[in-house]
Every structure is written in structure tokens, then in C-alpha cells.
Amino acid sequence: MRAVVQRASRASVTVDGRVVGAIEGPGLLVLVGVTHDDTERQAKRMAAKLWGLRILEDEKSCSDLNAPLLVVSQFTLYGDARKGRRPTWTAAAPGPVAEPLVNAVVDELRSLGAKVETGVFGADMKVSLTNDGPITLILDI
């Protein structure tokens, strides 16, 4: 499981011209990708890592500040463009595998007490972000 984590002062996801998820910061925009052999255990570990990650101002975490997270599924995190000019997506898990694991990350975050907004799995999403810092990390669990 892979996540791109961006510290945000605001972020939103729009589908078909309608905002489906939005946060006002400080908070985190989290793009989550799933590969074929990921498990629910990894999803729970990812959620715990995101909730406790100390990248907000003064080395605080979302758990310290009760800061919101916007979690968006993103299969392209497992794209491979090492050869040629067209990426391959073979390392990305198919929807029936990935969607429950992205949902598991969200559910676990909520069980930890997080305020979580989401995109729509598999939709054509427009993601807007004001990156604060800028701070962007890649997490592999």
C-alpha cells in the first residue's frame, strides 16, 4: 500500500461539478494506492501512521490537533513509466481488491477518532489542494 501525503490548508474533491469531499486545514490530503498483495492489516497500519504522522505545524499530528484528512483513492500511484512513454498499471490492484482496502484505511482512521472526507472510488475526480509548506511525503506500508 502506498500513499502520497500532502499537508494542506484546504483540499477538495469534485465529481461531475459537485464537491463530494473537502477539508479546511490544517489537515492532510492523502492519495492512496493499493497493489495486488496488500491486506487489511496494512490498511490499518497505514491509517495509524497517517493519524500519528507529525508533519503539521510545530511537529504536531492530526491526532494532536484533531485535524481532518481527505482520503482519495489513486491507482496511478502504482504506475510504472520506467520503459517507454506510456505507463503500465499492472502493479495496481483491480477495483474489487482496492476499494475495500481504501475503505479500510478510512474506517480505521474514523475508529481512531479522525474526521475523514473522501472522494468517490473509480470516479473521474478533480482534486484541488493548497499545499501548506509545501510538505509532501510518500509512504509505503
C-alpha atoms as a PDB file:
ATOM      1  CA  MET A   1       0.000   0.000   0.000  1.00  0.00           C
ATOM      2  CA  ARG A   2       1.286   3.410  -0.960  1.00  0.00           C
ATOM      3  CA  ALA A   3       0.179   6.910  -0.001  1.00  0.00           C
ATOM      4  CA  VAL A   4       1.162  10.368  -1.104  1.00  0.00           C
ATOM      5  CA  VAL A   5       0.549  12.658   1.860  1.00  0.00           C
ATOM      6  CA  GLN A   6       0.341  16.416   1.481  1.00  0.00           C
ATOM      7  CA  ARG A   7      -0.039  18.913   4.283  1.00  0.00           C
ATOM      8  CA  ALA A   8      -2.953  21.104   3.280  1.00  0.00           C
ATOM      9  CA  SER A   9      -4.508  24.345   4.372  1.00  0.00           C
ATOM     10  CA  ARG A  10      -7.508  23.256   2.257  1.00  0.00           C
ATOM     11  CA  ALA A  11      -8.368  20.490  -0.177  1.00  0.00           C
ATOM     12  CA  SER A  12     -11.426  19.266  -2.028  1.00  0.00           C
ATOM     13  CA  VAL A  13     -12.632  16.632  -4.490  1.00  0.00           C
ATOM     14  CA  THR A  14     -15.220  17.371  -7.158  1.00  0.00           C
ATOM     15  CA  VAL A  15     -17.111  14.776  -9.211  1.00  0.00           C
ATOM     16  CA  ASP A  16     -19.410  15.883 -12.044  1.00  0.00           C
ATOM     17  CA  GLY A  17     -19.192  19.501 -10.882  1.00  0.00           C
ATOM     18  CA  ARG A  18     -20.223  18.688  -7.294  1.00  0.00           C
ATOM     19  CA  VAL A  19     -17.903  18.811  -4.267  1.00  0.00           C
ATOM     20  CA  VAL A  20     -18.030  15.350  -2.688  1.00  0.00           C
ATOM     21  CA  GLY A  21     -15.342  15.852  -0.031  1.00  0.00           C
ATOM     22  CA  ALA A  22     -13.497  18.861   1.376  1.00  0.00           C
ATOM     23  CA  ILE A  23     -11.354  19.858   4.324  1.00  0.00           C
ATOM     24  CA  GLU A  24     -10.171  23.139   5.769  1.00  0.00           C
ATOM     25  CA  GLY A  25      -6.731  22.872   7.308  1.00  0.00           C
ATOM     26  CA  PRO A  26      -4.535  22.359   8.852  1.00  0.00           C
ATOM     27  CA  GLY A  27      -5.011  18.818   7.632  1.00  0.00           C
ATOM     28  CA  LEU A  28      -3.816  16.197   5.182  1.00  0.00           C
ATOM     29  CA  LEU A  29      -4.718  15.266   1.635  1.00  0.00           C
ATOM     30  CA  VAL A  30      -3.911  11.568   1.252  1.00  0.00           C
ATOM     31  CA  LEU A  31      -3.810   9.793  -2.109  1.00  0.00           C
ATOM     32  CA  VAL A  32      -3.958   6.020  -1.509  1.00  0.00           C
ATOM     33  CA  GLY A  33      -2.881   3.319  -3.952  1.00  0.00           C
ATOM     34  CA  VAL A  34      -3.289  -0.426  -3.488  1.00  0.00           C
ATOM     35  CA  THR A  35      -1.292  -3.243  -5.059  1.00  0.00           C
ATOM     36  CA  HIS A  36      -2.266  -6.906  -5.505  1.00  0.00           C
ATOM     37  CA  ASP A  37      -0.940  -8.385  -2.261  1.00  0.00           C
ATOM     38  CA  ASP A  38      -1.987  -5.636   0.150  1.00  0.00           C
ATOM     39  CA  THR A  39      -4.001  -6.660   3.194  1.00  0.00           C
ATOM     40  CA  GLU A  40      -6.413  -5.196   5.718  1.00  0.00           C
ATOM     41  CA  ARG A  41      -3.589  -5.331   8.268  1.00  0.00           C
ATOM     42  CA  GLN A  42      -1.567  -2.970   6.057  1.00  0.00           C
ATOM     43  CA  ALA A  43      -4.597  -0.698   5.710  1.00  0.00           C
ATOM     44  CA  LYS A  44      -4.836  -0.446   9.495  1.00  0.00           C
ATOM     45  CA  ARG A  45      -1.109   0.258   9.767  1.00  0.00           C
ATOM     46  CA  MET A  46      -1.416   2.962   7.104  1.00  0.00           C
ATOM     47  CA  ALA A  47      -4.284   4.591   8.975  1.00  0.00           C
ATOM     48  CA  ALA A  48      -2.360   4.599  12.260  1.00  0.00           C
ATOM     49  CA  LYS A  49       0.685   6.055  10.512  1.00  0.00           C
ATOM     50  CA  LEU A  50      -1.380   8.827   8.891  1.00  0.00           C
ATOM     51  CA  TRP A  51      -3.182   9.689  12.138  1.00  0.00           C
ATOM     52  CA  GLY A  52       0.077   9.987  14.077  1.00  0.00           C
ATOM     53  CA  LEU A  53       2.342  11.454  11.373  1.00  0.00           C
ATOM     54  CA  ARG A  54       3.973  14.570  12.832  1.00  0.00           C
ATOM     55  CA  ILE A  55       4.099  16.849   9.788  1.00  0.00           C
ATOM     56  CA  LEU A  56       1.686  19.589  10.793  1.00  0.00           C
ATOM     57  CA  GLU A  57       2.931  22.871  12.258  1.00  0.00           C
ATOM     58  CA  ASP A  58       5.188  22.546  15.332  1.00  0.00           C
ATOM     59  CA  GLU A  59       5.641  18.819  14.600  1.00  0.00           C
ATOM     60  CA  LYS A  60       2.033  18.059  15.507  1.00  0.00           C
ATOM     61  CA  SER A  61      -0.034  15.225  14.060  1.00  0.00           C
ATOM     62  CA  CYS A  62      -3.668  15.038  13.012  1.00  0.00           C
ATOM     63  CA  SER A  63      -4.305  13.181  16.274  1.00  0.00           C
ATOM     64  CA  ASP A  64      -2.727  16.024  18.268  1.00  0.00           C
ATOM     65  CA  LEU A  65      -4.836  18.718  16.594  1.00  0.00           C
ATOM     66  CA  ASN A  66      -7.909  16.702  15.639  1.00  0.00           C
ATOM     67  CA  ALA A  67      -7.067  17.820  12.101  1.00  0.00           C
ATOM     68  CA  PRO A  68      -9.109  16.484   9.173  1.00  0.00           C
ATOM     69  CA  LEU A  69      -7.948  14.177   6.393  1.00  0.00           C
ATOM     70  CA  LEU A  70      -9.184  13.963   2.813  1.00  0.00           C
ATOM     71  CA  VAL A  71      -8.535  10.433   1.516  1.00  0.00           C
ATOM     72  CA  VAL A  72      -8.672   9.831  -2.244  1.00  0.00           C
ATOM     73  CA  SER A  73      -8.113   6.503  -3.996  1.00  0.00           C
ATOM     74  CA  GLN A  74      -5.442   6.711  -6.696  1.00  0.00           C
ATOM     75  CA  PHE A  75      -4.443   3.598  -8.647  1.00  0.00           C
ATOM     76  CA  THR A  76      -1.892   5.611 -10.627  1.00  0.00           C
ATOM     77  CA  LEU A  77       0.457   5.561  -7.618  1.00  0.00           C
ATOM     78  CA  TYR A  78       1.437   2.109  -8.850  1.00  0.00           C
ATOM     79  CA  GLY A  79       2.042   3.241 -12.420  1.00  0.00           C
ATOM     80  CA  ASP A  80       5.392   2.236 -13.909  1.00  0.00           C
ATOM     81  CA  ALA A  81       6.909   4.531 -16.535  1.00  0.00           C
ATOM     82  CA  ARG A  82      10.480   3.224 -16.496  1.00  0.00           C
ATOM     83  CA  LYS A  83      10.178   1.948 -20.071  1.00  0.00           C
ATOM     84  CA  GLY A  84       8.802   3.897 -22.978  1.00  0.00           C
ATOM     85  CA  ARG A  85       6.445   6.823 -22.744  1.00  0.00           C
ATOM     86  CA  ARG A  86       3.245   5.070 -21.716  1.00  0.00           C
ATOM     87  CA  PRO A  87       2.928   3.939 -18.085  1.00  0.00           C
ATOM     88  CA  THR A  88       1.763   0.454 -17.248  1.00  0.00           C
ATOM     89  CA  TRP A  89      -0.709  -0.088 -14.410  1.00  0.00           C
ATOM     90  CA  THR A  90      -0.129  -3.805 -13.839  1.00  0.00           C
ATOM     91  CA  ALA A  91       1.061  -3.296 -10.244  1.00  0.00           C
ATOM     92  CA  ALA A  92      -2.195  -1.552  -9.281  1.00  0.00           C
ATOM     93  CA  ALA A  93      -4.823  -3.800  -7.750  1.00  0.00           C
ATOM     94  CA  PRO A  94      -8.154  -4.046  -9.574  1.00  0.00           C
ATOM     95  CA  GLY A  95     -11.162  -2.230  -8.129  1.00  0.00           C
ATOM     96  CA  PRO A  96     -12.705  -5.219  -6.333  1.00  0.00           C
ATOM     97  CA  VAL A  97      -9.412  -5.663  -4.406  1.00  0.00           C
ATOM     98  CA  ALA A  98      -8.503  -1.999  -3.961  1.00  0.00           C
ATOM     99  CA  GLU A  99     -11.821  -0.438  -2.973  1.00  0.00           C
ATOM    100  CA  PRO A 100     -12.328  -2.459   0.246  1.00  0.00           C
ATOM    101  CA  LEU A 101      -8.749  -1.693   1.322  1.00  0.00           C
ATOM    102  CA  VAL A 102      -9.076   2.050   0.702  1.00  0.00           C
ATOM    103  CA  ASN A 103     -12.330   1.882   2.675  1.00  0.00           C
ATOM    104  CA  ALA A 104     -10.469   0.006   5.434  1.00  0.00           C
ATOM    105  CA  VAL A 105      -7.982   2.887   5.727  1.00  0.00           C
ATOM    106  CA  VAL A 106     -10.873   5.353   6.020  1.00  0.00           C
ATOM    107  CA  ASP A 107     -12.785   3.176   8.512  1.00  0.00           C
ATOM    108  CA  GLU A 108      -9.709   2.694  10.682  1.00  0.00           C
ATOM    109  CA  LEU A 109      -8.963   6.430  10.684  1.00  0.00           C
ATOM    110  CA  ARG A 110     -12.522   7.103  11.790  1.00  0.00           C
ATOM    111  CA  SER A 111     -12.273   4.467  14.522  1.00  0.00           C
ATOM    112  CA  LEU A 112      -9.170   6.287  15.789  1.00  0.00           C
ATOM    113  CA  GLY A 113     -11.243   9.476  16.056  1.00  0.00           C
ATOM    114  CA  ALA A 114     -10.321  11.192  12.789  1.00  0.00           C
ATOM    115  CA  LYS A 115     -12.613  13.435  10.780  1.00  0.00           C
ATOM    116  CA  VAL A 116     -12.263  11.964   7.286  1.00  0.00           C
ATOM    117  CA  GLU A 117     -13.654  13.147   3.977  1.00  0.00           C
ATOM    118  CA  THR A 118     -13.307  11.055   0.810  1.00  0.00           C
ATOM    119  CA  GLY A 119     -13.517  11.086  -2.930  1.00  0.00           C
ATOM    120  CA  VAL A 120     -15.582   8.588  -4.946  1.00  0.00           C
ATOM    121  CA  PHE A 121     -13.801   5.348  -5.791  1.00  0.00           C
ATOM    122  CA  GLY A 122     -13.320   4.899  -9.537  1.00  0.00           C
ATOM    123  CA  ALA A 123     -14.853   8.263 -10.461  1.00  0.00           C
ATOM    124  CA  ASP A 124     -13.249  10.935 -12.617  1.00  0.00           C
ATOM    125  CA  MET A 125     -12.274  13.236  -9.757  1.00  0.00           C
ATOM    126  CA  LYS A 126     -10.937  16.767  -9.783  1.00  0.00           C
ATOM    127  CA  VAL A 127      -8.719  17.246  -6.743  1.00  0.00           C
ATOM    128  CA  SER A 128      -7.895  20.739  -5.538  1.00  0.00           C
ATOM    129  CA  LEU A 129      -5.217  21.425  -2.945  1.00  0.00           C
ATOM    130  CA  THR A 130      -3.486  24.295  -1.239  1.00  0.00           C
ATOM    131  CA  ASN A 131      -0.285  22.558  -0.153  1.00  0.00           C
ATOM    132  CA  ASP A 132       0.981  24.066   3.092  1.00  0.00           C
ATOM    133  CA  GLY A 133       4.760  24.242   3.317  1.00  0.00           C
ATOM    134  CA  PRO A 134       4.855  22.689   0.797  1.00  0.00           C
ATOM    135  CA  ILE A 135       5.146  19.338   2.503  1.00  0.00           C
ATOM    136  CA  THR A 136       4.645  16.112   0.532  1.00  0.00           C
ATOM    137  CA  LEU A 137       5.655  12.600   1.638  1.00  0.00           C
ATOM    138  CA  ILE A 138       5.435   9.161   0.073  1.00  0.00           C
ATOM    139  CA  LEU A 139       4.575   6.329   2.478  1.00  0.00           C
ATOM    140  CA  ASP A 140       4.921   2.640   1.639  1.00  0.00           C
ATOM    141  CA  ILE A 141       3.457   0.153   4.104  1.00  0.00           C
END
